[in-house]
Amino acid sequence: MEKIRNADIPQHANLSLAPLTGPVGEIFRYTIEAGEEWNGMDLRTIQDWIVIPALP
């Protein structure tokens, strides 16, 4: 989880993690939110190249 907290998220974008819950394995639920500066493709790129590699 430390890696995700230190992920280099672009300015004006916000990453939030839901609490870890689940009896089997680890399931991560998160949102990536940004103002009008970012479109859906930008947010997907942030997810693919920054968020997912930072998950354990």
PDB file of N, CA and C in Angstrom:
ATOM      1  N   MET A   1       0.816  -1.194   0.000  1.00  0.00           N
ATOM      2  CA  MET A   1       0.000   0.000   0.000  1.00  0.00           C
ATOM      3  C   MET A   1       0.861   1.259   0.000  1.00  0.00           C
ATOM      4  N   GLU A   2       2.075   1.136   0.505  1.00  0.00           N
ATOM      5  CA  GLU A   2       2.953   2.303   0.538  1.00  0.00           C
ATOM      6  C   GLU A   2       3.255   2.792  -0.869  1.00  0.00           C
ATOM      7  N   LYS A   3       3.416   1.862  -1.812  1.00  0.00           N
ATOM      8  CA  LYS A   3       3.713   2.255  -3.190  1.00  0.00           C
ATOM      9  C   LYS A   3       2.578   3.070  -3.788  1.00  0.00           C
ATOM     10  N   ILE A   4       1.341   2.704  -3.496  1.00  0.00           N
ATOM     11  CA  ILE A   4       0.200   3.422  -4.068  1.00  0.00           C
ATOM     12  C   ILE A   4       0.101   4.816  -3.454  1.00  0.00           C
ATOM     13  N   ARG A   5       0.449   4.944  -2.181  1.00  0.00           N
ATOM     14  CA  ARG A   5       0.419   6.272  -1.549  1.00  0.00           C
ATOM     15  C   ARG A   5       1.471   7.197  -2.142  1.00  0.00           C
ATOM     16  N   ASN A   6       2.568   6.616  -2.616  1.00  0.00           N
ATOM     17  CA  ASN A   6       3.658   7.405  -3.184  1.00  0.00           C
ATOM     18  C   ASN A   6       3.608   7.477  -4.702  1.00  0.00           C
ATOM     19  N   ALA A   7       2.541   6.987  -5.319  1.00  0.00           N
ATOM     20  CA  ALA A   7       2.427   7.017  -6.781  1.00  0.00           C
ATOM     21  C   ALA A   7       2.445   8.460  -7.271  1.00  0.00           C
ATOM     22  N   ASP A   8       3.041   8.660  -8.395  1.00  0.00           N
ATOM     23  CA  ASP A   8       3.209  10.003  -8.965  1.00  0.00           C
ATOM     24  C   ASP A   8       1.968  10.382  -9.770  1.00  0.00           C
ATOM     25  N   ILE A   9       0.869  10.676  -9.074  1.00  0.00           N
ATOM     26  CA  ILE A   9      -0.390  11.048  -9.710  1.00  0.00           C
ATOM     27  C   ILE A   9      -0.273  12.486 -10.210  1.00  0.00           C
ATOM     28  N   PRO A  10      -0.723  12.747 -11.439  1.00  0.00           N
ATOM     29  CA  PRO A  10      -0.636  14.111 -11.973  1.00  0.00           C
ATOM     30  C   PRO A  10      -1.400  15.117 -11.109  1.00  0.00           C
ATOM     31  N   GLN A  11      -0.957  16.352 -11.184  1.00  0.00           N
ATOM     32  CA  GLN A  11      -1.610  17.429 -10.449  1.00  0.00           C
ATOM     33  C   GLN A  11      -3.067  17.525 -10.892  1.00  0.00           C
ATOM     34  N   HIS A  12      -3.961  17.835 -10.003  1.00  0.00           N
ATOM     35  CA  HIS A  12      -5.401  17.986 -10.218  1.00  0.00           C
ATOM     36  C   HIS A  12      -6.114  16.647 -10.361  1.00  0.00           C
ATOM     37  N   ALA A  13      -5.418  15.527 -10.250  1.00  0.00           N
ATOM     38  CA  ALA A  13      -6.063  14.215 -10.242  1.00  0.00           C
ATOM     39  C   ALA A  13      -6.058  13.720  -8.804  1.00  0.00           C
ATOM     40  N   ASN A  14      -7.052  12.925  -8.445  1.00  0.00           N
ATOM     41  CA  ASN A  14      -7.182  12.447  -7.082  1.00  0.00           C
ATOM     42  C   ASN A  14      -7.398  10.947  -7.107  1.00  0.00           C
ATOM     43  N   LEU A  15      -6.622  10.222  -6.348  1.00  0.00           N
ATOM     44  CA  LEU A  15      -6.750   8.776  -6.233  1.00  0.00           C
ATOM     45  C   LEU A  15      -7.176   8.456  -4.816  1.00  0.00           C
ATOM     46  N   SER A  16      -8.240   7.685  -4.672  1.00  0.00           N
ATOM     47  CA  SER A  16      -8.660   7.281  -3.339  1.00  0.00           C
ATOM     48  C   SER A  16      -8.905   5.783  -3.328  1.00  0.00           C
ATOM     49  N   LEU A  17      -8.498   5.135  -2.254  1.00  0.00           N
ATOM     50  CA  LEU A  17      -8.666   3.698  -2.090  1.00  0.00           C
ATOM     51  C   LEU A  17      -9.778   3.417  -1.100  1.00  0.00           C
ATOM     52  N   ALA A  18     -10.566   2.409  -1.408  1.00  0.00           N
ATOM     53  CA  ALA A  18     -11.588   1.957  -0.474  1.00  0.00           C
ATOM     54  C   ALA A  18     -10.905   1.068   0.566  1.00  0.00           C
ATOM     55  N   PRO A  19     -11.524   0.863   1.714  1.00  0.00           N
ATOM     56  CA  PRO A  19     -10.929  -0.011   2.726  1.00  0.00           C
ATOM     57  C   PRO A  19     -10.758  -1.430   2.191  1.00  0.00           C
ATOM     58  N   LEU A  20      -9.699  -2.096   2.655  1.00  0.00           N
ATOM     59  CA  LEU A  20      -9.479  -3.483   2.254  1.00  0.00           C
ATOM     60  C   LEU A  20     -10.486  -4.369   2.963  1.00  0.00           C
ATOM     61  N   THR A  21     -11.288  -5.067   2.196  1.00  0.00           N
ATOM     62  CA  THR A  21     -12.245  -6.000   2.765  1.00  0.00           C
ATOM     63  C   THR A  21     -12.325  -7.204   1.853  1.00  0.00           C
ATOM     64  N   GLY A  22     -12.760  -8.278   2.373  1.00  0.00           N
ATOM     65  CA  GLY A  22     -12.927  -9.483   1.583  1.00  0.00           C
ATOM     66  C   GLY A  22     -12.240 -10.654   2.250  1.00  0.00           C
ATOM     67  N   PRO A  23     -12.945 -11.763   2.355  1.00  0.00           N
ATOM     68  CA  PRO A  23     -12.392 -12.924   3.053  1.00  0.00           C
ATOM     69  C   PRO A  23     -11.352 -13.688   2.239  1.00  0.00           C
ATOM     70  N   VAL A  24     -11.344 -13.520   0.926  1.00  0.00           N
ATOM     71  CA  VAL A  24     -10.441 -14.296   0.078  1.00  0.00           C
ATOM     72  C   VAL A  24      -9.595 -13.354  -0.759  1.00  0.00           C
ATOM     73  N   GLY A  25      -8.296 -13.377  -0.540  1.00  0.00           N
ATOM     74  CA  GLY A  25      -7.400 -12.562  -1.353  1.00  0.00           C
ATOM     75  C   GLY A  25      -7.578 -11.076  -1.100  1.00  0.00           C
ATOM     76  N   GLU A  26      -6.888 -10.305  -1.906  1.00  0.00           N
ATOM     77  CA  GLU A  26      -6.981  -8.857  -1.798  1.00  0.00           C
ATOM     78  C   GLU A  26      -7.706  -8.314  -3.018  1.00  0.00           C
ATOM     79  N   ILE A  27      -8.732  -7.551  -2.769  1.00  0.00           N
ATOM     80  CA  ILE A  27      -9.483  -6.895  -3.831  1.00  0.00           C
ATOM     81  C   ILE A  27      -9.353  -5.401  -3.593  1.00  0.00           C
ATOM     82  N   PHE A  28      -8.910  -4.685  -4.609  1.00  0.00           N
ATOM     83  CA  PHE A  28      -8.727  -3.248  -4.479  1.00  0.00           C
ATOM     84  C   PHE A  28      -9.816  -2.523  -5.246  1.00  0.00           C
ATOM     85  N   ARG A  29     -10.476  -1.626  -4.574  1.00  0.00           N
ATOM     86  CA  ARG A  29     -11.452  -0.751  -5.216  1.00  0.00           C
ATOM     87  C   ARG A  29     -10.930   0.661  -5.073  1.00  0.00           C
ATOM     88  N   TYR A  30     -10.900   1.372  -6.173  1.00  0.00           N
ATOM     89  CA  TYR A  30     -10.364   2.722  -6.134  1.00  0.00           C
ATOM     90  C   TYR A  30     -11.075   3.584  -7.156  1.00  0.00           C
ATOM     91  N   THR A  31     -10.946   4.865  -6.983  1.00  0.00           N
ATOM     92  CA  THR A  31     -11.453   5.817  -7.968  1.00  0.00           C
ATOM     93  C   THR A  31     -10.324   6.755  -8.350  1.00  0.00           C
ATOM     94  N   ILE A  32     -10.377   7.196  -9.573  1.00  0.00           N
ATOM     95  CA  ILE A  32      -9.474   8.235 -10.048  1.00  0.00           C
ATOM     96  C   ILE A  32     -10.375   9.363 -10.512  1.00  0.00           C
ATOM     97  N   GLU A  33     -10.264  10.490  -9.864  1.00  0.00           N
ATOM     98  CA  GLU A  33     -11.116  11.623 -10.190  1.00  0.00           C
ATOM     99  C   GLU A  33     -10.257  12.814 -10.563  1.00  0.00           C
ATOM    100  N   ALA A  34     -10.766  13.607 -11.469  1.00  0.00           N
ATOM    101  CA  ALA A  34     -10.054  14.816 -11.870  1.00  0.00           C
ATOM    102  C   ALA A  34     -11.079  15.814 -12.381  1.00  0.00           C
ATOM    103  N   GLY A  35     -10.685  17.034 -12.396  1.00  0.00           N
ATOM    104  CA  GLY A  35     -11.563  18.075 -12.910  1.00  0.00           C
ATOM    105  C   GLY A  35     -11.637  18.010 -14.424  1.00  0.00           C
ATOM    106  N   GLU A  36     -12.014  19.077 -15.012  1.00  0.00           N
ATOM    107  CA  GLU A  36     -12.195  19.142 -16.455  1.00  0.00           C
ATOM    108  C   GLU A  36     -10.885  19.082 -17.224  1.00  0.00           C
ATOM    109  N   GLU A  37      -9.745  19.147 -16.506  1.00  0.00           N
ATOM    110  CA  GLU A  37      -8.448  19.119 -17.176  1.00  0.00           C
ATOM    111  C   GLU A  37      -8.166  17.765 -17.821  1.00  0.00           C
ATOM    112  N   TRP A  38      -8.797  16.702 -17.324  1.00  0.00           N
ATOM    113  CA  TRP A  38      -8.509  15.343 -17.770  1.00  0.00           C
ATOM    114  C   TRP A  38      -9.761  14.711 -18.371  1.00  0.00           C
ATOM    115  N   ASN A  39      -9.595  14.010 -19.485  1.00  0.00           N
ATOM    116  CA  ASN A  39     -10.719  13.280 -20.069  1.00  0.00           C
ATOM    117  C   ASN A  39     -10.604  11.800 -19.693  1.00  0.00           C
ATOM    118  N   GLY A  40     -11.537  11.009 -20.152  1.00  0.00           N
ATOM    119  CA  GLY A  40     -11.550   9.587 -19.820  1.00  0.00           C
ATOM    120  C   GLY A  40     -10.299   8.856 -20.264  1.00  0.00           C
ATOM    121  N   MET A  41      -9.784   9.198 -21.431  1.00  0.00           N
ATOM    122  CA  MET A  41      -8.577   8.547 -21.932  1.00  0.00           C
ATOM    123  C   MET A  41      -7.371   8.882 -21.048  1.00  0.00           C
ATOM    124  N   ASP A  42      -7.299  10.134 -20.579  1.00  0.00           N
ATOM    125  CA  ASP A  42      -6.212  10.521 -19.672  1.00  0.00           C
ATOM    126  C   ASP A  42      -6.278   9.716 -18.374  1.00  0.00           C
ATOM    127  N   LEU A  43      -7.481   9.581 -17.820  1.00  0.00           N
ATOM    128  CA  LEU A  43      -7.642   8.841 -16.570  1.00  0.00           C
ATOM    129  C   LEU A  43      -7.297   7.370 -16.761  1.00  0.00           C
ATOM    130  N   ARG A  44      -7.653   6.812 -17.906  1.00  0.00           N
ATOM    131  CA  ARG A  44      -7.303   5.417 -18.201  1.00  0.00           C
ATOM    132  C   ARG A  44      -5.788   5.255 -18.297  1.00  0.00           C
ATOM    133  N   THR A  45      -5.122   6.223 -18.898  1.00  0.00           N
ATOM    134  CA  THR A  45      -3.664   6.173 -19.005  1.00  0.00           C
ATOM    135  C   THR A  45      -3.020   6.241 -17.625  1.00  0.00           C
ATOM    136  N   ILE A  46      -3.546   7.105 -16.751  1.00  0.00           N
ATOM    137  CA  ILE A  46      -3.048   7.181 -15.374  1.00  0.00           C
ATOM    138  C   ILE A  46      -3.217   5.832 -14.690  1.00  0.00           C
ATOM    139  N   GLN A  47      -4.380   5.208 -14.869  1.00  0.00           N
ATOM    140  CA  GLN A  47      -4.624   3.900 -14.272  1.00  0.00           C
ATOM    141  C   GLN A  47      -3.635   2.868 -14.786  1.00  0.00           C
ATOM    142  N   ASP A  48      -3.477   2.783 -16.102  1.00  0.00           N
ATOM    143  CA  ASP A  48      -2.648   1.739 -16.703  1.00  0.00           C
ATOM    144  C   ASP A  48      -1.161   1.887 -16.398  1.00  0.00           C
ATOM    145  N   TRP A  49      -0.665   3.109 -16.343  1.00  0.00           N
ATOM    146  CA  TRP A  49       0.775   3.324 -16.240  1.00  0.00           C
ATOM    147  C   TRP A  49       1.260   3.733 -14.856  1.00  0.00           C
ATOM    148  N   ILE A  50       0.346   4.197 -13.988  1.00  0.00           N
ATOM    149  CA  ILE A  50       0.780   4.659 -12.666  1.00  0.00           C
ATOM    150  C   ILE A  50       0.134   3.837 -11.549  1.00  0.00           C
ATOM    151  N   VAL A  51      -1.195   3.729 -11.576  1.00  0.00           N
ATOM    152  CA  VAL A  51      -1.903   3.101 -10.459  1.00  0.00           C
ATOM    153  C   VAL A  51      -1.680   1.593 -10.426  1.00  0.00           C
ATOM    154  N   ILE A  52      -1.969   0.893 -11.512  1.00  0.00           N
ATOM    155  CA  ILE A  52      -1.865  -0.570 -11.513  1.00  0.00           C
ATOM    156  C   ILE A  52      -0.447  -1.051 -11.205  1.00  0.00           C
ATOM    157  N   PRO A  53       0.598  -0.464 -11.790  1.00  0.00           N
ATOM    158  CA  PRO A  53       1.943  -0.923 -11.412  1.00  0.00           C
ATOM    159  C   PRO A  53       2.285  -0.673  -9.940  1.00  0.00           C
ATOM    160  N   ALA A  54       1.619   0.272  -9.294  1.00  0.00           N
ATOM    161  CA  ALA A  54       1.905   0.568  -7.888  1.00  0.00           C
ATOM    162  C   ALA A  54       1.170  -0.362  -6.930  1.00  0.00           C
ATOM    163  N   LEU A  55       0.189  -1.116  -7.426  1.00  0.00           N
ATOM    164  CA  LEU A  55      -0.535  -2.046  -6.561  1.00  0.00           C
ATOM    165  C   LEU A  55       0.337  -3.265  -6.277  1.00  0.00           C
ATOM    166  N   PRO A  56       0.198  -3.843  -5.087  1.00  0.00           N
ATOM    167  CA  PRO A  56       1.025  -5.022  -4.745  1.00  0.00           C
ATOM    168  C   PRO A  56       0.643  -6.244  -5.552  1.00  0.00           C
TER     169      PRO A  56
END
